Amino acid sequence: MQPLQTHEPVRIILADDHELVRSGIKSLLNMIEGVEVIAEASDGLELIQLTEALNPDLVLTDISMPRMDGLAAIVHLHASRPKVRLMVLSMFDTVDFVKRAVACGACGYLLKSTPPSELAQAVRRVMSHGTYFGPSISSMLLAPADAAPGGQLTARQIEILKLLAKGQTSKEIAWLLKLSPKTVDVHRARIMERLNITDLANLTRYAIRAGLISA
């Protein structure tokens, strides 16, 4: 990978609750000349403690973590360590999550499906220009909102709602849409929250009334 144009190594703290994922990302980061992963955190609280103790140049964090999630940690660090660049690396691929991350103080957002070459580009751009949002994220942010009746759901949520209403399980939906079951469950919870629906039967009735599926 191309070296970073900087005299001092870029010191990074990496946060993810899955050790195997952290190990893989750390290996990729260590392949970038001029980058040093100085610490790893498994949750938001540990991330805050390490960042305040070590004062890195860049934090690269997942969103969904135990004890404190990545977005809550970003809010805290954005206030307490304003010079530290804060970037999200997540499996959540909706505009809602990207906008929430930016509102919390993130200066970049990458998907875990990102090619290794883009990870290197993202680190370089964040350190040299202050922000980085890859092509897929930028397109998502610039695209017109595609929502269900009432403007309450995103296009992805409508897609998942249709499959849920047809009786598909989270694992089946994840396989069909090439997502993780965990991501599907997050979408399902957000759909129910936005529609103020608490069970699958009423969710199915909503989909029928909205003309998303046939009775």
N, C-alpha and C. Protein backbone atom coordinates (compact mmCIF):
# COMPACT_ATOMS: atom_id res chain seq x y z
N MET A 1 0.84 -1.20 0.00
CA MET A 1 0.00 0.00 0.00
C MET A 1 0.88 1.25 0.00
N GLN A 2 0.36 2.36 -0.52
CA GLN A 2 1.13 3.58 -0.62
C GLN A 2 1.39 4.19 0.77
N PRO A 3 2.57 4.78 0.98
CA PRO A 3 2.85 5.38 2.28
C PRO A 3 2.06 6.66 2.48
N LEU A 4 1.84 7.00 3.74
CA LEU A 4 1.22 8.27 4.08
C LEU A 4 2.27 9.36 4.01
N GLN A 5 1.89 10.52 3.51
CA GLN A 5 2.82 11.62 3.39
C GLN A 5 2.86 12.38 4.72
N THR A 6 3.58 11.83 5.68
CA THR A 6 3.68 12.44 6.99
C THR A 6 4.99 12.02 7.62
N HIS A 7 5.60 12.90 8.45
CA HIS A 7 6.89 12.62 9.05
C HIS A 7 6.75 11.68 10.25
N GLU A 8 5.70 11.82 10.99
CA GLU A 8 5.45 10.98 12.15
C GLU A 8 4.40 9.93 11.81
N PRO A 9 4.50 8.74 12.42
CA PRO A 9 3.47 7.72 12.15
C PRO A 9 2.10 8.17 12.65
N VAL A 10 1.08 7.78 11.92
CA VAL A 10 -0.29 8.06 12.35
C VAL A 10 -0.66 7.02 13.41
N ARG A 11 -0.93 7.50 14.60
CA ARG A 11 -1.20 6.62 15.73
C ARG A 11 -2.71 6.36 15.82
N ILE A 12 -3.09 5.10 15.72
CA ILE A 12 -4.52 4.74 15.64
C ILE A 12 -4.92 3.85 16.81
N ILE A 13 -6.11 4.11 17.35
CA ILE A 13 -6.75 3.19 18.29
C ILE A 13 -7.92 2.57 17.56
N LEU A 14 -8.02 1.26 17.62
CA LEU A 14 -9.03 0.48 16.92
C LEU A 14 -10.02 -0.11 17.92
N ALA A 15 -11.31 0.05 17.66
CA ALA A 15 -12.34 -0.46 18.58
C ALA A 15 -13.34 -1.35 17.84
N ASP A 16 -13.48 -2.57 18.32
CA ASP A 16 -14.48 -3.52 17.81
C ASP A 16 -14.62 -4.61 18.86
N ASP A 17 -15.85 -5.08 19.07
CA ASP A 17 -16.05 -6.07 20.13
C ASP A 17 -15.71 -7.49 19.70
N HIS A 18 -15.39 -7.70 18.43
CA HIS A 18 -15.01 -9.03 17.95
C HIS A 18 -13.50 -9.07 17.74
N GLU A 19 -12.83 -9.91 18.53
CA GLU A 19 -11.37 -9.97 18.49
C GLU A 19 -10.85 -10.36 17.11
N LEU A 20 -11.53 -11.29 16.47
CA LEU A 20 -11.09 -11.75 15.15
C LEU A 20 -11.18 -10.62 14.12
N VAL A 21 -12.25 -9.83 14.20
CA VAL A 21 -12.42 -8.68 13.29
C VAL A 21 -11.32 -7.66 13.55
N ARG A 22 -11.09 -7.36 14.83
CA ARG A 22 -10.02 -6.40 15.18
C ARG A 22 -8.68 -6.86 14.63
N SER A 23 -8.41 -8.14 14.78
CA SER A 23 -7.13 -8.68 14.33
C SER A 23 -6.96 -8.49 12.82
N GLY A 24 -8.04 -8.74 12.06
CA GLY A 24 -7.97 -8.58 10.61
C GLY A 24 -7.77 -7.13 10.20
N ILE A 25 -8.52 -6.23 10.84
CA ILE A 25 -8.40 -4.80 10.51
C ILE A 25 -7.02 -4.28 10.91
N LYS A 26 -6.54 -4.72 12.08
CA LYS A 26 -5.21 -4.30 12.53
C LYS A 26 -4.14 -4.73 11.53
N SER A 27 -4.26 -5.94 11.02
CA SER A 27 -3.29 -6.43 10.04
C SER A 27 -3.29 -5.57 8.78
N LEU A 28 -4.48 -5.17 8.34
CA LEU A 28 -4.58 -4.31 7.16
C LEU A 28 -3.97 -2.94 7.42
N LEU A 29 -4.25 -2.39 8.60
CA LEU A 29 -3.69 -1.08 8.94
C LEU A 29 -2.17 -1.13 9.03
N ASN A 30 -1.66 -2.21 9.57
CA ASN A 30 -0.21 -2.35 9.72
C ASN A 30 0.50 -2.50 8.38
N MET A 31 -0.26 -2.81 7.34
CA MET A 31 0.32 -2.90 5.99
C MET A 31 0.49 -1.52 5.37
N ILE A 32 -0.12 -0.50 5.96
CA ILE A 32 -0.01 0.87 5.43
C ILE A 32 1.23 1.52 6.04
N GLU A 33 2.18 1.88 5.22
CA GLU A 33 3.40 2.51 5.73
C GLU A 33 3.05 3.84 6.38
N GLY A 34 3.61 4.08 7.57
CA GLY A 34 3.35 5.32 8.27
C GLY A 34 2.16 5.25 9.19
N VAL A 35 1.66 4.03 9.45
CA VAL A 35 0.52 3.85 10.36
C VAL A 35 0.94 2.91 11.50
N GLU A 36 0.50 3.24 12.70
CA GLU A 36 0.80 2.41 13.86
C GLU A 36 -0.47 2.25 14.70
N VAL A 37 -0.93 1.02 14.88
CA VAL A 37 -2.06 0.75 15.77
C VAL A 37 -1.49 0.66 17.19
N ILE A 38 -1.80 1.64 18.02
CA ILE A 38 -1.17 1.72 19.34
C ILE A 38 -2.00 1.05 20.43
N ALA A 39 -3.28 0.78 20.17
CA ALA A 39 -4.13 0.14 21.18
C ALA A 39 -5.40 -0.38 20.53
N GLU A 40 -6.03 -1.34 21.22
CA GLU A 40 -7.29 -1.91 20.75
C GLU A 40 -8.30 -1.90 21.89
N ALA A 41 -9.56 -1.60 21.57
CA ALA A 41 -10.63 -1.58 22.57
C ALA A 41 -11.75 -2.52 22.13
N SER A 42 -12.44 -3.11 23.10
CA SER A 42 -13.53 -4.04 22.80
C SER A 42 -14.91 -3.44 23.08
N ASP A 43 -14.95 -2.21 23.59
CA ASP A 43 -16.23 -1.53 23.81
C ASP A 43 -15.99 -0.03 23.92
N GLY A 44 -17.09 0.74 23.98
CA GLY A 44 -16.97 2.19 23.98
C GLY A 44 -16.29 2.77 25.20
N LEU A 45 -16.53 2.20 26.35
CA LEU A 45 -15.90 2.70 27.58
C LEU A 45 -14.39 2.51 27.54
N GLU A 46 -13.97 1.34 27.09
CA GLU A 46 -12.53 1.09 26.99
C GLU A 46 -11.91 2.00 25.94
N LEU A 47 -12.64 2.26 24.87
CA LEU A 47 -12.16 3.17 23.82
C LEU A 47 -11.91 4.57 24.40
N ILE A 48 -12.86 5.06 25.18
CA ILE A 48 -12.70 6.39 25.80
C ILE A 48 -11.48 6.42 26.71
N GLN A 49 -11.33 5.40 27.55
CA GLN A 49 -10.20 5.36 28.49
C GLN A 49 -8.87 5.35 27.75
N LEU A 50 -8.77 4.52 26.72
CA LEU A 50 -7.52 4.43 25.97
C LEU A 50 -7.21 5.72 25.20
N THR A 51 -8.26 6.31 24.62
CA THR A 51 -8.05 7.53 23.84
C THR A 51 -7.60 8.68 24.73
N GLU A 52 -8.21 8.80 25.88
CA GLU A 52 -7.85 9.90 26.79
C GLU A 52 -6.47 9.68 27.40
N ALA A 53 -6.06 8.42 27.52
CA ALA A 53 -4.74 8.13 28.07
C ALA A 53 -3.63 8.27 27.03
N LEU A 54 -3.91 7.86 25.79
CA LEU A 54 -2.86 7.79 24.77
C LEU A 54 -2.92 8.91 23.74
N ASN A 55 -4.06 9.60 23.64
CA ASN A 55 -4.22 10.73 22.72
C ASN A 55 -3.74 10.39 21.30
N PRO A 56 -4.43 9.47 20.62
CA PRO A 56 -4.01 9.06 19.27
C PRO A 56 -4.33 10.15 18.24
N ASP A 57 -3.89 9.92 17.01
CA ASP A 57 -4.25 10.82 15.91
C ASP A 57 -5.63 10.47 15.35
N LEU A 58 -5.94 9.17 15.36
CA LEU A 58 -7.16 8.69 14.73
C LEU A 58 -7.77 7.55 15.53
N VAL A 59 -9.09 7.58 15.67
CA VAL A 59 -9.85 6.47 16.25
C VAL A 59 -10.68 5.85 15.15
N LEU A 60 -10.62 4.54 15.05
CA LEU A 60 -11.42 3.79 14.07
C LEU A 60 -12.30 2.84 14.86
N THR A 61 -13.62 3.08 14.87
CA THR A 61 -14.49 2.33 15.77
C THR A 61 -15.72 1.75 15.07
N ASP A 62 -16.13 0.59 15.58
CA ASP A 62 -17.39 -0.01 15.20
C ASP A 62 -18.51 0.75 15.91
N ILE A 63 -19.76 0.49 15.53
CA ILE A 63 -20.89 1.12 16.20
C ILE A 63 -21.44 0.22 17.30
N SER A 64 -21.82 -0.99 16.94
CA SER A 64 -22.48 -1.88 17.89
C SER A 64 -21.45 -2.59 18.77
N MET A 65 -21.37 -2.16 20.05
CA MET A 65 -20.45 -2.76 21.01
C MET A 65 -21.12 -2.78 22.39
N PRO A 66 -20.68 -3.69 23.27
CA PRO A 66 -21.29 -3.77 24.61
C PRO A 66 -20.88 -2.59 25.50
N ARG A 67 -21.60 -2.47 26.61
CA ARG A 67 -21.39 -1.43 27.63
C ARG A 67 -21.65 -0.02 27.08
N MET A 68 -20.93 0.40 26.06
CA MET A 68 -21.18 1.68 25.40
C MET A 68 -20.92 1.52 23.92
N ASP A 69 -21.85 1.96 23.08
CA ASP A 69 -21.64 1.78 21.64
C ASP A 69 -20.69 2.83 21.09
N GLY A 70 -20.31 2.63 19.83
CA GLY A 70 -19.34 3.51 19.21
C GLY A 70 -19.79 4.94 19.05
N LEU A 71 -21.08 5.14 18.77
CA LEU A 71 -21.58 6.51 18.59
C LEU A 71 -21.55 7.29 19.90
N ALA A 72 -21.91 6.64 21.00
CA ALA A 72 -21.86 7.30 22.30
C ALA A 72 -20.41 7.66 22.65
N ALA A 73 -19.49 6.77 22.32
CA ALA A 73 -18.07 7.04 22.58
C ALA A 73 -17.59 8.22 21.73
N ILE A 74 -18.05 8.28 20.48
CA ILE A 74 -17.67 9.39 19.60
C ILE A 74 -18.16 10.72 20.15
N VAL A 75 -19.38 10.76 20.65
CA VAL A 75 -19.92 11.99 21.25
C VAL A 75 -18.99 12.47 22.37
N HIS A 76 -18.61 11.55 23.26
CA HIS A 76 -17.75 11.90 24.39
C HIS A 76 -16.38 12.38 23.90
N LEU A 77 -15.78 11.64 22.98
CA LEU A 77 -14.43 11.98 22.53
C LEU A 77 -14.40 13.24 21.68
N HIS A 78 -15.46 13.48 20.94
CA HIS A 78 -15.54 14.71 20.13
C HIS A 78 -15.46 15.94 21.03
N ALA A 79 -16.02 15.81 22.23
CA ALA A 79 -15.99 16.92 23.19
C ALA A 79 -14.69 16.96 23.98
N SER A 80 -14.20 15.80 24.40
CA SER A 80 -13.03 15.77 25.28
C SER A 80 -11.69 15.78 24.54
N ARG A 81 -11.67 15.27 23.30
CA ARG A 81 -10.45 15.23 22.49
C ARG A 81 -10.75 15.72 21.08
N PRO A 82 -11.04 17.02 20.93
CA PRO A 82 -11.49 17.55 19.63
C PRO A 82 -10.46 17.41 18.50
N LYS A 83 -9.17 17.25 18.83
CA LYS A 83 -8.15 17.13 17.79
C LYS A 83 -8.01 15.72 17.26
N VAL A 84 -8.60 14.75 17.95
CA VAL A 84 -8.52 13.36 17.50
C VAL A 84 -9.55 13.13 16.39
N ARG A 85 -9.12 12.59 15.26
CA ARG A 85 -10.04 12.27 14.17
C ARG A 85 -10.82 11.00 14.53
N LEU A 86 -12.11 11.03 14.30
CA LEU A 86 -12.98 9.93 14.70
C LEU A 86 -13.67 9.35 13.47
N MET A 87 -13.39 8.09 13.18
CA MET A 87 -13.96 7.45 11.99
C MET A 87 -14.69 6.17 12.37
N VAL A 88 -15.83 5.94 11.70
CA VAL A 88 -16.63 4.73 11.92
C VAL A 88 -16.29 3.68 10.87
N LEU A 89 -16.15 2.43 11.32
CA LEU A 89 -16.01 1.28 10.41
C LEU A 89 -17.08 0.28 10.83
N SER A 90 -18.15 0.19 10.04
CA SER A 90 -19.33 -0.54 10.50
C SER A 90 -19.95 -1.38 9.38
N MET A 91 -20.79 -2.33 9.78
CA MET A 91 -21.56 -3.12 8.82
C MET A 91 -22.88 -2.43 8.50
N PHE A 92 -23.28 -1.41 9.29
CA PHE A 92 -24.56 -0.74 9.08
C PHE A 92 -24.47 0.16 7.86
N ASP A 93 -25.31 -0.13 6.87
CA ASP A 93 -25.16 0.50 5.55
C ASP A 93 -26.34 1.40 5.18
N THR A 94 -26.94 2.08 6.16
CA THR A 94 -28.07 2.96 5.86
C THR A 94 -27.71 4.42 6.09
N VAL A 95 -28.41 5.30 5.40
CA VAL A 95 -28.19 6.74 5.55
C VAL A 95 -28.40 7.16 6.99
N ASP A 96 -29.36 6.54 7.64
CA ASP A 96 -29.69 6.90 9.02
C ASP A 96 -28.45 6.77 9.92
N PHE A 97 -27.76 5.66 9.83
CA PHE A 97 -26.58 5.45 10.67
C PHE A 97 -25.45 6.40 10.29
N VAL A 98 -25.25 6.64 9.00
CA VAL A 98 -24.19 7.56 8.58
C VAL A 98 -24.46 8.96 9.11
N LYS A 99 -25.69 9.44 8.97
CA LYS A 99 -26.02 10.78 9.45
C LYS A 99 -25.90 10.89 10.96
N ARG A 100 -26.29 9.82 11.67
CA ARG A 100 -26.14 9.83 13.12
C ARG A 100 -24.67 9.90 13.51
N ALA A 101 -23.83 9.16 12.80
CA ALA A 101 -22.40 9.16 13.10
C ALA A 101 -21.80 10.55 12.90
N VAL A 102 -22.16 11.19 11.80
CA VAL A 102 -21.66 12.55 11.52
C VAL A 102 -22.17 13.53 12.57
N ALA A 103 -23.43 13.41 12.94
CA ALA A 103 -24.00 14.30 13.96
C ALA A 103 -23.30 14.13 15.30
N CYS A 104 -22.82 12.92 15.57
CA CYS A 104 -22.13 12.64 16.83
C CYS A 104 -20.69 13.18 16.83
N GLY A 105 -20.15 13.42 15.64
CA GLY A 105 -18.79 13.96 15.56
C GLY A 105 -17.84 13.16 14.69
N ALA A 106 -18.32 12.13 14.01
CA ALA A 106 -17.45 11.34 13.14
C ALA A 106 -17.06 12.15 11.90
N CYS A 107 -15.82 12.00 11.47
CA CYS A 107 -15.36 12.72 10.27
C CYS A 107 -15.22 11.78 9.08
N GLY A 108 -15.59 10.51 9.29
CA GLY A 108 -15.54 9.55 8.20
C GLY A 108 -16.36 8.33 8.52
N TYR A 109 -16.74 7.60 7.47
CA TYR A 109 -17.57 6.41 7.64
C TYR A 109 -17.20 5.40 6.57
N LEU A 110 -16.82 4.20 7.01
CA LEU A 110 -16.47 3.12 6.10
C LEU A 110 -17.32 1.89 6.41
N LEU A 111 -17.65 1.13 5.38
CA LEU A 111 -18.34 -0.13 5.58
C LEU A 111 -17.31 -1.25 5.73
N LYS A 112 -17.67 -2.28 6.48
CA LYS A 112 -16.75 -3.40 6.68
C LYS A 112 -16.53 -4.20 5.39
N SER A 113 -17.37 -3.95 4.41
CA SER A 113 -17.19 -4.60 3.10
C SER A 113 -16.22 -3.81 2.22
N THR A 114 -15.67 -2.72 2.75
CA THR A 114 -14.75 -1.87 2.00
C THR A 114 -13.49 -2.63 1.59
N PRO A 115 -13.02 -2.47 0.35
CA PRO A 115 -11.76 -3.12 -0.06
C PRO A 115 -10.59 -2.57 0.77
N PRO A 116 -9.57 -3.40 1.00
CA PRO A 116 -8.40 -2.95 1.77
C PRO A 116 -7.76 -1.68 1.22
N SER A 117 -7.74 -1.54 -0.09
CA SER A 117 -7.13 -0.35 -0.70
C SER A 117 -7.87 0.92 -0.29
N GLU A 118 -9.20 0.82 -0.10
CA GLU A 118 -9.96 2.00 0.30
C GLU A 118 -9.70 2.35 1.76
N LEU A 119 -9.41 1.36 2.58
CA LEU A 119 -9.07 1.63 3.98
C LEU A 119 -7.84 2.52 4.06
N ALA A 120 -6.83 2.20 3.26
CA ALA A 120 -5.61 3.01 3.23
C ALA A 120 -5.92 4.42 2.73
N GLN A 121 -6.74 4.52 1.68
CA GLN A 121 -7.12 5.82 1.14
C GLN A 121 -7.87 6.64 2.18
N ALA A 122 -8.75 5.99 2.93
CA ALA A 122 -9.55 6.68 3.94
C ALA A 122 -8.67 7.28 5.03
N VAL A 123 -7.70 6.49 5.50
CA VAL A 123 -6.79 6.99 6.54
C VAL A 123 -6.00 8.19 6.02
N ARG A 124 -5.50 8.09 4.80
CA ARG A 124 -4.74 9.20 4.22
C ARG A 124 -5.60 10.46 4.10
N ARG A 125 -6.85 10.30 3.59
CA ARG A 125 -7.71 11.46 3.37
C ARG A 125 -8.15 12.11 4.69
N VAL A 126 -8.47 11.29 5.67
CA VAL A 126 -8.89 11.84 6.96
C VAL A 126 -7.75 12.65 7.60
N MET A 127 -6.53 12.13 7.52
CA MET A 127 -5.41 12.83 8.13
C MET A 127 -4.99 14.07 7.33
N SER A 128 -5.18 14.06 6.01
CA SER A 128 -4.73 15.19 5.20
C SER A 128 -5.83 16.23 4.95
N HIS A 129 -7.10 15.78 4.87
CA HIS A 129 -8.19 16.68 4.54
C HIS A 129 -9.26 16.78 5.62
N GLY A 130 -9.20 15.91 6.61
CA GLY A 130 -10.13 16.03 7.73
C GLY A 130 -11.37 15.16 7.66
N THR A 131 -11.74 14.72 6.44
CA THR A 131 -12.94 13.89 6.30
C THR A 131 -12.73 12.83 5.22
N TYR A 132 -13.51 11.74 5.32
CA TYR A 132 -13.55 10.77 4.24
C TYR A 132 -14.86 10.01 4.25
N PHE A 133 -15.55 10.04 3.12
CA PHE A 133 -16.75 9.23 2.90
C PHE A 133 -16.59 8.61 1.52
N GLY A 134 -16.49 7.29 1.48
CA GLY A 134 -16.24 6.59 0.24
C GLY A 134 -17.34 6.76 -0.78
N PRO A 135 -17.11 6.29 -2.00
CA PRO A 135 -18.09 6.45 -3.08
C PRO A 135 -19.48 5.92 -2.73
N SER A 136 -19.55 4.75 -2.11
CA SER A 136 -20.86 4.17 -1.79
C SER A 136 -21.59 5.00 -0.74
N ILE A 137 -20.84 5.49 0.24
CA ILE A 137 -21.45 6.32 1.29
C ILE A 137 -21.86 7.68 0.72
N SER A 138 -21.00 8.28 -0.09
CA SER A 138 -21.32 9.58 -0.69
C SER A 138 -22.55 9.50 -1.56
N SER A 139 -22.65 8.43 -2.37
CA SER A 139 -23.83 8.24 -3.22
C SER A 139 -25.09 8.10 -2.38
N MET A 140 -24.97 7.38 -1.28
CA MET A 140 -26.09 7.17 -0.38
C MET A 140 -26.58 8.51 0.21
N LEU A 141 -25.62 9.35 0.59
CA LEU A 141 -25.98 10.63 1.21
C LEU A 141 -26.57 11.60 0.21
N LEU A 142 -26.13 11.51 -1.06
CA LEU A 142 -26.59 12.45 -2.07
C LEU A 142 -27.88 12.01 -2.76
N ALA A 143 -28.20 10.71 -2.66
CA ALA A 143 -29.39 10.19 -3.34
C ALA A 143 -30.65 10.71 -2.68
N PRO A 144 -31.73 10.97 -3.47
CA PRO A 144 -33.00 11.38 -2.88
C PRO A 144 -33.53 10.29 -1.96
N ALA A 145 -34.16 10.69 -0.89
CA ALA A 145 -34.73 9.71 0.05
C ALA A 145 -35.83 8.93 -0.63
N ASP A 146 -35.77 7.61 -0.52
CA ASP A 146 -36.79 6.73 -1.08
C ASP A 146 -37.52 6.10 0.09
N ALA A 147 -38.70 6.57 0.40
CA ALA A 147 -39.36 6.15 1.62
C ALA A 147 -40.72 5.54 1.36
N ALA A 148 -41.20 4.87 2.37
CA ALA A 148 -42.52 4.26 2.32
C ALA A 148 -43.58 5.32 2.49
N PRO A 149 -44.87 4.96 2.36
CA PRO A 149 -45.94 5.93 2.59
C PRO A 149 -45.74 6.64 3.92
N GLY A 150 -45.84 7.99 3.87
CA GLY A 150 -45.61 8.76 5.09
C GLY A 150 -44.15 9.14 5.25
N GLY A 151 -43.25 8.66 4.37
CA GLY A 151 -41.85 9.03 4.44
C GLY A 151 -41.14 8.49 5.66
N GLN A 152 -41.60 7.38 6.22
CA GLN A 152 -41.06 6.92 7.49
C GLN A 152 -39.93 5.91 7.35
N LEU A 153 -39.87 5.20 6.24
CA LEU A 153 -38.89 4.14 6.09
C LEU A 153 -37.99 4.37 4.89
N THR A 154 -36.74 3.93 5.01
CA THR A 154 -35.81 4.01 3.89
C THR A 154 -36.08 2.88 2.90
N ALA A 155 -35.44 2.95 1.75
CA ALA A 155 -35.62 1.90 0.74
C ALA A 155 -35.19 0.54 1.27
N ARG A 156 -34.08 0.50 1.98
CA ARG A 156 -33.61 -0.76 2.55
C ARG A 156 -34.61 -1.31 3.57
N GLN A 157 -35.17 -0.43 4.39
CA GLN A 157 -36.13 -0.87 5.39
C GLN A 157 -37.41 -1.39 4.75
N ILE A 158 -37.83 -0.77 3.66
CA ILE A 158 -39.01 -1.26 2.93
C ILE A 158 -38.73 -2.66 2.39
N GLU A 159 -37.53 -2.86 1.86
CA GLU A 159 -37.14 -4.16 1.32
C GLU A 159 -37.20 -5.24 2.40
N ILE A 160 -36.68 -4.91 3.56
CA ILE A 160 -36.68 -5.87 4.68
C ILE A 160 -38.09 -6.06 5.21
N LEU A 161 -38.88 -4.99 5.27
CA LEU A 161 -40.26 -5.09 5.73
C LEU A 161 -41.05 -6.05 4.85
N LYS A 162 -40.89 -5.96 3.55
CA LYS A 162 -41.60 -6.84 2.62
C LYS A 162 -41.27 -8.31 2.91
N LEU A 163 -39.99 -8.58 3.13
CA LEU A 163 -39.56 -9.96 3.37
C LEU A 163 -40.05 -10.47 4.72
N LEU A 164 -40.00 -9.60 5.73
CA LEU A 164 -40.53 -9.98 7.05
C LEU A 164 -42.01 -10.30 6.95
N ALA A 165 -42.74 -9.46 6.23
CA ALA A 165 -44.19 -9.65 6.10
C ALA A 165 -44.52 -10.92 5.33
N LYS A 166 -43.60 -11.39 4.51
CA LYS A 166 -43.81 -12.64 3.76
C LYS A 166 -43.39 -13.87 4.57
N GLY A 167 -42.95 -13.63 5.82
CA GLY A 167 -42.61 -14.75 6.69
C GLY A 167 -41.16 -15.17 6.69
N GLN A 168 -40.29 -14.40 6.06
CA GLN A 168 -38.87 -14.74 6.03
C GLN A 168 -38.24 -14.46 7.40
N THR A 169 -37.31 -15.30 7.82
CA THR A 169 -36.60 -15.09 9.08
C THR A 169 -35.43 -14.14 8.85
N SER A 170 -34.85 -13.65 9.95
CA SER A 170 -33.70 -12.75 9.84
C SER A 170 -32.55 -13.41 9.10
N LYS A 171 -32.30 -14.69 9.37
CA LYS A 171 -31.21 -15.39 8.69
C LYS A 171 -31.47 -15.52 7.20
N GLU A 172 -32.74 -15.79 6.84
CA GLU A 172 -33.08 -15.91 5.42
C GLU A 172 -32.94 -14.57 4.71
N ILE A 173 -33.39 -13.50 5.37
CA ILE A 173 -33.28 -12.17 4.79
C ILE A 173 -31.81 -11.78 4.64
N ALA A 174 -31.02 -12.07 5.67
CA ALA A 174 -29.59 -11.76 5.62
C ALA A 174 -28.93 -12.44 4.43
N TRP A 175 -29.28 -13.70 4.18
CA TRP A 175 -28.71 -14.43 3.05
C TRP A 175 -29.15 -13.82 1.72
N LEU A 176 -30.43 -13.46 1.62
CA LEU A 176 -30.95 -12.90 0.37
C LEU A 176 -30.33 -11.55 0.04
N LEU A 177 -30.14 -10.72 1.08
CA LEU A 177 -29.67 -9.35 0.86
C LEU A 177 -28.18 -9.19 1.08
N LYS A 178 -27.50 -10.32 1.40
CA LYS A 178 -26.06 -10.30 1.65
C LYS A 178 -25.71 -9.36 2.81
N LEU A 179 -26.49 -9.48 3.88
CA LEU A 179 -26.25 -8.75 5.12
C LEU A 179 -25.99 -9.76 6.23
N SER A 180 -25.65 -9.27 7.40
CA SER A 180 -25.54 -10.17 8.55
C SER A 180 -26.88 -10.23 9.25
N PRO A 181 -27.21 -11.35 9.92
CA PRO A 181 -28.46 -11.42 10.68
C PRO A 181 -28.58 -10.30 11.71
N LYS A 182 -27.45 -9.90 12.28
CA LYS A 182 -27.45 -8.82 13.27
C LYS A 182 -27.92 -7.51 12.64
N THR A 183 -27.46 -7.24 11.43
CA THR A 183 -27.88 -6.03 10.73
C THR A 183 -29.38 -6.06 10.44
N VAL A 184 -29.87 -7.22 10.01
CA VAL A 184 -31.30 -7.36 9.74
C VAL A 184 -32.11 -7.12 11.01
N ASP A 185 -31.65 -7.65 12.13
CA ASP A 185 -32.35 -7.46 13.40
C ASP A 185 -32.39 -5.98 13.80
N VAL A 186 -31.30 -5.26 13.53
CA VAL A 186 -31.27 -3.82 13.82
C VAL A 186 -32.30 -3.09 12.95
N HIS A 187 -32.34 -3.44 11.66
CA HIS A 187 -33.33 -2.84 10.76
C HIS A 187 -34.75 -3.16 11.23
N ARG A 188 -34.97 -4.40 11.62
CA ARG A 188 -36.31 -4.81 12.07
C ARG A 188 -36.75 -3.99 13.28
N ALA A 189 -35.85 -3.82 14.24
CA ALA A 189 -36.18 -3.04 15.43
C ALA A 189 -36.48 -1.58 15.08
N ARG A 190 -35.70 -1.03 14.14
CA ARG A 190 -35.91 0.36 13.75
C ARG A 190 -37.22 0.53 12.96
N ILE A 191 -37.56 -0.45 12.13
CA ILE A 191 -38.84 -0.42 11.40
C ILE A 191 -40.00 -0.39 12.39
N MET A 192 -39.97 -1.29 13.35
CA MET A 192 -41.05 -1.36 14.33
C MET A 192 -41.14 -0.08 15.17
N GLU A 193 -39.97 0.46 15.50
CA GLU A 193 -39.94 1.71 16.28
C GLU A 193 -40.58 2.85 15.49
N ARG A 194 -40.20 2.97 14.22
CA ARG A 194 -40.70 4.09 13.40
C ARG A 194 -42.19 3.96 13.11
N LEU A 195 -42.66 2.72 12.97
CA LEU A 195 -44.08 2.51 12.67
C LEU A 195 -44.92 2.34 13.93
N ASN A 196 -44.25 2.33 15.08
CA ASN A 196 -44.92 2.12 16.36
C ASN A 196 -45.70 0.80 16.36
N ILE A 197 -45.03 -0.25 15.88
CA ILE A 197 -45.61 -1.59 15.80
C ILE A 197 -44.73 -2.53 16.63
N THR A 198 -45.35 -3.39 17.42
CA THR A 198 -44.59 -4.21 18.36
C THR A 198 -44.56 -5.70 18.04
N ASP A 199 -45.29 -6.14 17.01
CA ASP A 199 -45.28 -7.57 16.70
C ASP A 199 -45.36 -7.80 15.19
N LEU A 200 -44.99 -9.00 14.78
CA LEU A 200 -44.90 -9.32 13.36
C LEU A 200 -46.27 -9.34 12.67
N ALA A 201 -47.30 -9.76 13.40
CA ALA A 201 -48.64 -9.82 12.80
C ALA A 201 -49.10 -8.44 12.36
N ASN A 202 -48.93 -7.46 13.22
CA ASN A 202 -49.33 -6.08 12.87
C ASN A 202 -48.41 -5.49 11.82
N LEU A 203 -47.16 -5.92 11.82
CA LEU A 203 -46.23 -5.46 10.79
C LEU A 203 -46.68 -5.97 9.42
N THR A 204 -47.14 -7.21 9.40
CA THR A 204 -47.65 -7.79 8.15
C THR A 204 -48.90 -7.06 7.68
N ARG A 205 -49.79 -6.77 8.61
CA ARG A 205 -51.03 -6.03 8.26
C ARG A 205 -50.69 -4.64 7.70
N TYR A 206 -49.68 -4.00 8.30
CA TYR A 206 -49.26 -2.69 7.80
C TYR A 206 -48.78 -2.81 6.35
N ALA A 207 -47.96 -3.84 6.08
CA ALA A 207 -47.41 -4.02 4.73
C ALA A 207 -48.52 -4.25 3.71
N ILE A 208 -49.54 -4.98 4.11
CA ILE A 208 -50.69 -5.23 3.21
C ILE A 208 -51.46 -3.93 2.95
N ARG A 209 -51.75 -3.19 4.04
CA ARG A 209 -52.50 -1.92 3.89
C ARG A 209 -51.73 -0.92 3.04
N ALA A 210 -50.39 -0.92 3.17
CA ALA A 210 -49.58 0.03 2.42
C ALA A 210 -49.35 -0.41 0.98
N GLY A 211 -49.85 -1.62 0.63
CA GLY A 211 -49.70 -2.12 -0.73
C GLY A 211 -48.31 -2.65 -1.04
N LEU A 212 -47.54 -2.95 0.02
CA LEU A 212 -46.19 -3.46 -0.19
C LEU A 212 -46.18 -4.93 -0.54
N ILE A 213 -47.16 -5.66 -0.02
CA ILE A 213 -47.35 -7.08 -0.38
C ILE A 213 -48.83 -7.31 -0.60
N SER A 214 -49.18 -8.41 -1.26
CA SER A 214 -50.59 -8.74 -1.44
C SER A 214 -51.06 -9.58 -0.28
N ALA A 215 -52.37 -9.52 -0.01
CA ALA A 215 -52.95 -10.25 1.11
C ALA A 215 -52.88 -11.74 0.84
